[in-house]
C-alpha atoms as a PDB file:
ATOM      1  CA  MET A   1     -21.984  13.009  14.548  1.00  0.00           C
ATOM      2  CA  SER A   2     -21.391  16.500  14.338  1.00  0.00           C
ATOM      3  CA  ASN A   3     -19.971  18.923  10.977  1.00  0.00           C
ATOM      4  CA  THR A   4     -16.968  20.517  13.681  1.00  0.00           C
ATOM      5  CA  ALA A   5     -13.664  19.257  12.326  1.00  0.00           C
ATOM      6  CA  GLN A   6     -10.716  19.643  13.954  1.00  0.00           C
ATOM      7  CA  PRO A   7      -7.594  20.262  11.628  1.00  0.00           C
ATOM      8  CA  GLN A   8      -4.742  20.151  12.108  1.00  0.00           C
ATOM      9  CA  THR A   9      -2.345  22.818   9.951  1.00  0.00           C
ATOM     10  CA  GLU A  10       1.119  20.991   9.466  1.00  0.00           C
ATOM     11  CA  SER A  11       0.805  17.930   6.997  1.00  0.00           C
ATOM     12  CA  ALA A  12       2.864  15.179   8.539  1.00  0.00           C
ATOM     13  CA  ALA A  13       4.910  12.040   6.365  1.00  0.00           C
ATOM     14  CA  GLN A  14       3.873   8.842   6.596  1.00  0.00           C
ATOM     15  CA  PHE A  15       5.677   5.819   4.635  1.00  0.00           C
ATOM     16  CA  GLY A  16       4.540   3.324   2.599  1.00  0.00           C
ATOM     17  CA  ALA A  17       5.339   0.482  -0.003  1.00  0.00           C
ATOM     18  CA  LEU A  18       3.603  -0.083  -3.168  1.00  0.00           C
ATOM     19  CA  CYS A  19       3.699  -4.203  -3.458  1.00  0.00           C
ATOM     20  CA  TRP A  20       3.391  -5.362  -6.955  1.00  0.00           C
ATOM     21  CA  ARG A  21       4.846  -9.435  -8.161  1.00  0.00           C
ATOM     22  CA  ALA A  22       4.659 -10.693 -11.043  1.00  0.00           C
ATOM     23  CA  GLY A  23       2.087 -12.057 -13.254  1.00  0.00           C
ATOM     24  CA  LYS A  24       0.992 -13.622 -16.161  1.00  0.00           C
ATOM     25  CA  ALA A  25      -0.382 -10.192 -18.014  1.00  0.00           C
ATOM     26  CA  GLY A  26       2.441  -7.815 -15.932  1.00  0.00           C
ATOM     27  CA  ALA A  27       2.577  -6.580 -13.117  1.00  0.00           C
ATOM     28  CA  GLU A  28      -0.231  -6.921  -9.992  1.00  0.00           C
ATOM     29  CA  VAL A  29       0.124  -4.301  -7.222  1.00  0.00           C
ATOM     30  CA  LEU A  30      -1.505  -5.138  -3.640  1.00  0.00           C
ATOM     31  CA  LEU A  31      -3.746  -3.176  -2.067  1.00  0.00           C
ATOM     32  CA  ILE A  32      -5.716  -3.988   0.862  1.00  0.00           C
ATOM     33  CA  SER A  33      -8.579  -2.231   3.575  1.00  0.00           C
ATOM     34  CA  SER A  34      -7.797   0.161   5.846  1.00  0.00           C
ATOM     35  CA  ARG A  35      -9.238  -1.173   8.983  1.00  0.00           C
ATOM     36  CA  GLU A  36     -12.292   1.983  10.052  1.00  0.00           C
ATOM     37  CA  THR A  37     -14.153   2.106   6.753  1.00  0.00           C
ATOM     38  CA  GLY A  38     -12.788  -0.815   4.635  1.00  0.00           C
ATOM     39  CA  ARG A  39     -11.548   1.391   2.248  1.00  0.00           C
ATOM     40  CA  TRP A  40      -8.532  -0.167  -1.030  1.00  0.00           C
ATOM     41  CA  VAL A  41      -5.216   1.749   0.294  1.00  0.00           C
ATOM     42  CA  ILE A  42      -2.270   0.560  -0.023  1.00  0.00           C
ATOM     43  CA  PRO A  43       0.251  -0.008   3.074  1.00  0.00           C
ATOM     44  CA  LYS A  44       1.309   3.036   5.277  1.00  0.00           C
ATOM     45  CA  GLY A  45       2.295   4.376   8.379  1.00  0.00           C
ATOM     46  CA  TRP A  46       3.729   6.730  10.827  1.00  0.00           C
ATOM     47  CA  PRO A  47       7.704   7.722  10.380  1.00  0.00           C
ATOM     48  CA  MET A  48       9.737   4.971  13.006  1.00  0.00           C
ATOM     49  CA  LYS A  49      12.679   6.412  14.641  1.00  0.00           C
ATOM     50  CA  GLY A  50      15.898   5.389  13.486  1.00  0.00           C
ATOM     51  CA  ARG A  51      14.483   3.748  10.595  1.00  0.00           C
ATOM     52  CA  THR A  52      14.413   5.169   7.464  1.00  0.00           C
ATOM     53  CA  GLY A  53      11.769   5.713   5.132  1.00  0.00           C
ATOM     54  CA  PRO A  54      11.709   2.341   2.938  1.00  0.00           C
ATOM     55  CA  GLN A  55      12.850   0.713   6.289  1.00  0.00           C
ATOM     56  CA  ALA A  56       9.282   2.153   7.782  1.00  0.00           C
ATOM     57  CA  ALA A  57       7.466   1.392   4.665  1.00  0.00           C
ATOM     58  CA  GLU A  58       8.748  -2.502   4.172  1.00  0.00           C
ATOM     59  CA  ILE A  59       7.383  -2.316   8.555  1.00  0.00           C
ATOM     60  CA  GLU A  60       4.518  -1.286   7.332  1.00  0.00           C
ATOM     61  CA  ALA A  61       4.096  -4.056   4.413  1.00  0.00           C
ATOM     62  CA  TRP A  62       4.111  -6.921   7.006  1.00  0.00           C
ATOM     63  CA  GLU A  63       2.479  -5.867   9.630  1.00  0.00           C
ATOM     64  CA  GLU A  64      -0.474  -4.404   7.473  1.00  0.00           C
ATOM     65  CA  ALA A  65      -0.006  -6.628   3.839  1.00  0.00           C
ATOM     66  CA  GLY A  66       1.668  -9.636   5.420  1.00  0.00           C
ATOM     67  CA  VAL A  67       3.926  -9.571   2.479  1.00  0.00           C
ATOM     68  CA  LYS A  68       8.383  -9.268   2.489  1.00  0.00           C
ATOM     69  CA  GLY A  69      10.720  -8.684  -0.344  1.00  0.00           C
ATOM     70  CA  GLN A  70      12.730  -6.249  -1.904  1.00  0.00           C
ATOM     71  CA  ILE A  71      12.438  -2.375  -1.714  1.00  0.00           C
ATOM     72  CA  ALA A  72      13.691   0.313  -3.189  1.00  0.00           C
ATOM     73  CA  ASP A  73      15.669   3.094  -2.208  1.00  0.00           C
ATOM     74  CA  GLU A  74      14.394   5.555  -4.265  1.00  0.00           C
ATOM     75  CA  LYS A  75      10.470   6.829  -3.479  1.00  0.00           C
ATOM     76  CA  LEU A  76       8.417   5.887  -6.655  1.00  0.00           C
ATOM     77  CA  GLY A  77       6.394   9.520  -5.404  1.00  0.00           C
ATOM     78  CA  HIS A  78       4.112  10.729  -2.619  1.00  0.00           C
ATOM     79  CA  PHE A  79       0.404  11.330  -1.814  1.00  0.00           C
ATOM     80  CA  THR A  80      -1.829  13.546   0.527  1.00  0.00           C
ATOM     81  CA  TYR A  81      -4.989  12.448   2.287  1.00  0.00           C
ATOM     82  CA  THR A  82      -5.962  13.030   5.340  1.00  0.00           C
ATOM     83  CA  LYS A  83      -6.670  11.492   8.267  1.00  0.00           C
ATOM     84  CA  VAL A  84      -9.134  11.175  11.086  1.00  0.00           C
ATOM     85  CA  LEU A  85      -7.272  11.069  14.443  1.00  0.00           C
ATOM     86  CA  LYS A  86     -10.462  10.849  16.439  1.00  0.00           C
ATOM     87  CA  ARG A  87     -13.709  11.021  16.155  1.00  0.00           C
ATOM     88  CA  ASP A  88     -16.080  10.697  18.297  1.00  0.00           C
ATOM     89  CA  THR A  89     -20.024  12.321  18.749  1.00  0.00           C
ATOM     90  CA  LYS A  90     -18.888  16.003  19.542  1.00  0.00           C
ATOM     91  CA  LYS A  91     -15.914  15.909  16.865  1.00  0.00           C
ATOM     92  CA  GLU A  92     -13.218  14.912  14.663  1.00  0.00           C
ATOM     93  CA  ILE A  93      -9.742  15.902  14.398  1.00  0.00           C
ATOM     94  CA  LEU A  94      -7.795  15.758  11.278  1.00  0.00           C
ATOM     95  CA  GLN A  95      -4.502  15.336   9.920  1.00  0.00           C
ATOM     96  CA  PRO A  96      -2.909  16.039   6.350  1.00  0.00           C
ATOM     97  CA  CYS A  97      -1.072  13.369   5.774  1.00  0.00           C
ATOM     98  CA  ILE A  98       1.882  13.098   2.696  1.00  0.00           C
ATOM     99  CA  VAL A  99       2.831  10.018   1.706  1.00  0.00           C
ATOM    100  CA  GLU A 100       6.863   9.340   0.164  1.00  0.00           C
ATOM    101  CA  VAL A 101       5.483   5.762  -1.668  1.00  0.00           C
ATOM    102  CA  PHE A 102       8.474   2.856  -2.358  1.00  0.00           C
ATOM    103  CA  PRO A 103       7.792  -0.007  -5.113  1.00  0.00           C
ATOM    104  CA  LEU A 104       7.969  -3.392  -2.831  1.00  0.00           C
ATOM    105  CA  GLN A 105       8.810  -6.230  -4.837  1.00  0.00           C
ATOM    106  CA  VAL A 106       7.230  -8.914  -3.274  1.00  0.00           C
ATOM    107  CA  ALA A 107       8.874 -12.520  -2.673  1.00  0.00           C
ATOM    108  CA  LYS A 108       6.859 -13.685   0.781  1.00  0.00           C
ATOM    109  CA  PHE A 109       2.967 -13.660   0.187  1.00  0.00           C
ATOM    110  CA  ALA A 110       2.790 -14.915   4.239  1.00  0.00           C
ATOM    111  CA  PRO A 111      -1.211 -16.589   4.880  1.00  0.00           C
ATOM    112  CA  GLU A 112      -0.532 -14.642   8.465  1.00  0.00           C
ATOM    113  CA  PHE A 113       0.304 -11.790   9.955  1.00  0.00           C
ATOM    114  CA  PRO A 114       0.260  -9.143  12.343  1.00  0.00           C
ATOM    115  CA  GLU A 115      -3.197  -7.416  11.118  1.00  0.00           C
ATOM    116  CA  GLN A 116      -4.497 -10.041   9.192  1.00  0.00           C
ATOM    117  CA  ARG A 117      -7.566 -10.041  11.209  1.00  0.00           C
ATOM    118  CA  GLN A 118      -8.657  -6.759  10.531  1.00  0.00           C
ATOM    119  CA  ARG A 119      -7.735  -6.244   6.797  1.00  0.00           C
ATOM    120  CA  ARG A 120      -8.352  -7.702   3.369  1.00  0.00           C
ATOM    121  CA  ARG A 121      -5.877  -7.696   0.897  1.00  0.00           C
ATOM    122  CA  LYS A 122      -6.176  -8.478  -3.141  1.00  0.00           C
ATOM    123  CA  TRP A 123      -4.233  -8.540  -6.461  1.00  0.00           C
ATOM    124  CA  PHE A 124      -5.019  -5.946  -9.001  1.00  0.00           C
ATOM    125  CA  ALA A 125      -3.341  -4.546 -11.882  1.00  0.00           C
ATOM    126  CA  PRO A 126      -2.039  -1.339 -11.532  1.00  0.00           C
ATOM    127  CA  VAL A 127      -5.102   0.311 -13.821  1.00  0.00           C
ATOM    128  CA  ASP A 128      -7.552  -1.657 -11.543  1.00  0.00           C
ATOM    129  CA  ALA A 129      -6.076  -0.668  -8.912  1.00  0.00           C
ATOM    130  CA  ALA A 130      -5.944   3.062  -9.899  1.00  0.00           C
ATOM    131  CA  ARG A 131     -10.534   2.809 -10.149  1.00  0.00           C
ATOM    132  CA  LYS A 132      -9.887   0.878  -5.849  1.00  0.00           C
ATOM    133  CA  VAL A 133      -8.683   4.277  -4.319  1.00  0.00           C
ATOM    134  CA  ALA A 134      -9.700   7.731  -3.321  1.00  0.00           C
ATOM    135  CA  GLU A 135      -6.946   9.399  -3.848  1.00  0.00           C
ATOM    136  CA  ALA A 136      -6.114  11.358  -7.045  1.00  0.00           C
ATOM    137  CA  GLU A 137      -2.465  11.050  -6.445  1.00  0.00           C
ATOM    138  CA  LEU A 138      -1.771   7.721  -5.665  1.00  0.00           C
ATOM    139  CA  LYS A 139      -4.319   6.887  -9.068  1.00  0.00           C
ATOM    140  CA  ALA A 140      -1.796   7.951 -10.944  1.00  0.00           C
ATOM    141  CA  MET A 141       0.913   6.752  -9.637  1.00  0.00           C
ATOM    142  CA  LEU A 142      -0.877   3.632 -10.089  1.00  0.00           C
ATOM    143  CA  SER A 143      -1.886   4.249 -13.576  1.00  0.00           C
ATOM    144  CA  ALA A 144       1.029   4.505 -14.282  1.00  0.00           C
ATOM    145  CA  PHE A 145       3.113   1.501 -12.289  1.00  0.00           C
ATOM    146  CA  ASN A 146       5.317  -0.118 -14.595  1.00  0.00           C
ATOM    147  CA  PRO A 147       7.826  -1.138 -13.347  1.00  0.00           C
ATOM    148  CA  THR A 148      10.812  -3.162 -15.206  1.00  0.00           C
ATOM    149  CA  LEU A 149      10.232  -7.161 -16.031  1.00  0.00           C
ATOM    150  CA  PRO A 150      11.979 -10.195 -16.171  1.00  0.00           C
ATOM    151  CA  PRO A 151       9.978 -11.936 -18.722  1.00  0.00           C
ATOM    152  CA  TYR A 152       7.451 -14.325 -17.635  1.00  0.00           C
ATOM    153  CA  ASP A 153       8.365 -18.371 -17.036  1.00  0.00           C
ATOM    154  CA  PRO A 154       5.911 -20.067 -16.575  1.00  0.00           C
ATOM    155  CA  PRO A 155       6.685 -23.380 -14.411  1.00  0.00           C
ATOM    156  CA  ILE A 156       7.139 -26.832 -16.923  1.00  0.00           C
ATOM    157  CA  ALA A 157       4.463 -28.638 -17.379  1.00  0.00           C
ATOM    158  CA  LYS A 158       4.958 -31.690 -16.514  1.00  0.00           C
ATOM    159  CA  ARG A 159       5.022 -34.161 -19.857  1.00  0.00           C
ATOM    160  CA  LYS A 160       3.253 -37.723 -20.348  1.00  0.00           C
ATOM    161  CA  LYS A 161       5.164 -41.054 -20.612  1.00  0.00           C
ATOM    162  CA  ARG A 162       5.238 -42.548 -23.935  1.00  0.00           C
END
């Protein structure tokens, strides 16, 4: 591949979902692998006609990670990255992106979803997830993530009959 990269000048908007659940030791966040490089990322995508940012993020969370739940209307923050739009032997076309991130509390973790054969997914403690992602702003967002959780209520063990 040549060193010739053609960057786009204006940043494009995207919407992402920081998918989380309550675990035994606190909040856990879900990371998925990117399709091309296998890097750990959060579900994200382009704006969708007729959909708000949170709605678009919610759809991406289902398609890319197989999760459904309650998405917040208020964004958690944003991060920037450079997306490779076109990659071939002669040149790359790069697009700077700003991703607005909305927290999504996961209620359903489906075994089958649209991109299941293209991605891996894994739960991490937020600080561990921060170590796995490449984008500095996303690292900071994950490191600081601490939603108000209801107290963890483990299932009641079946008692032996006497």
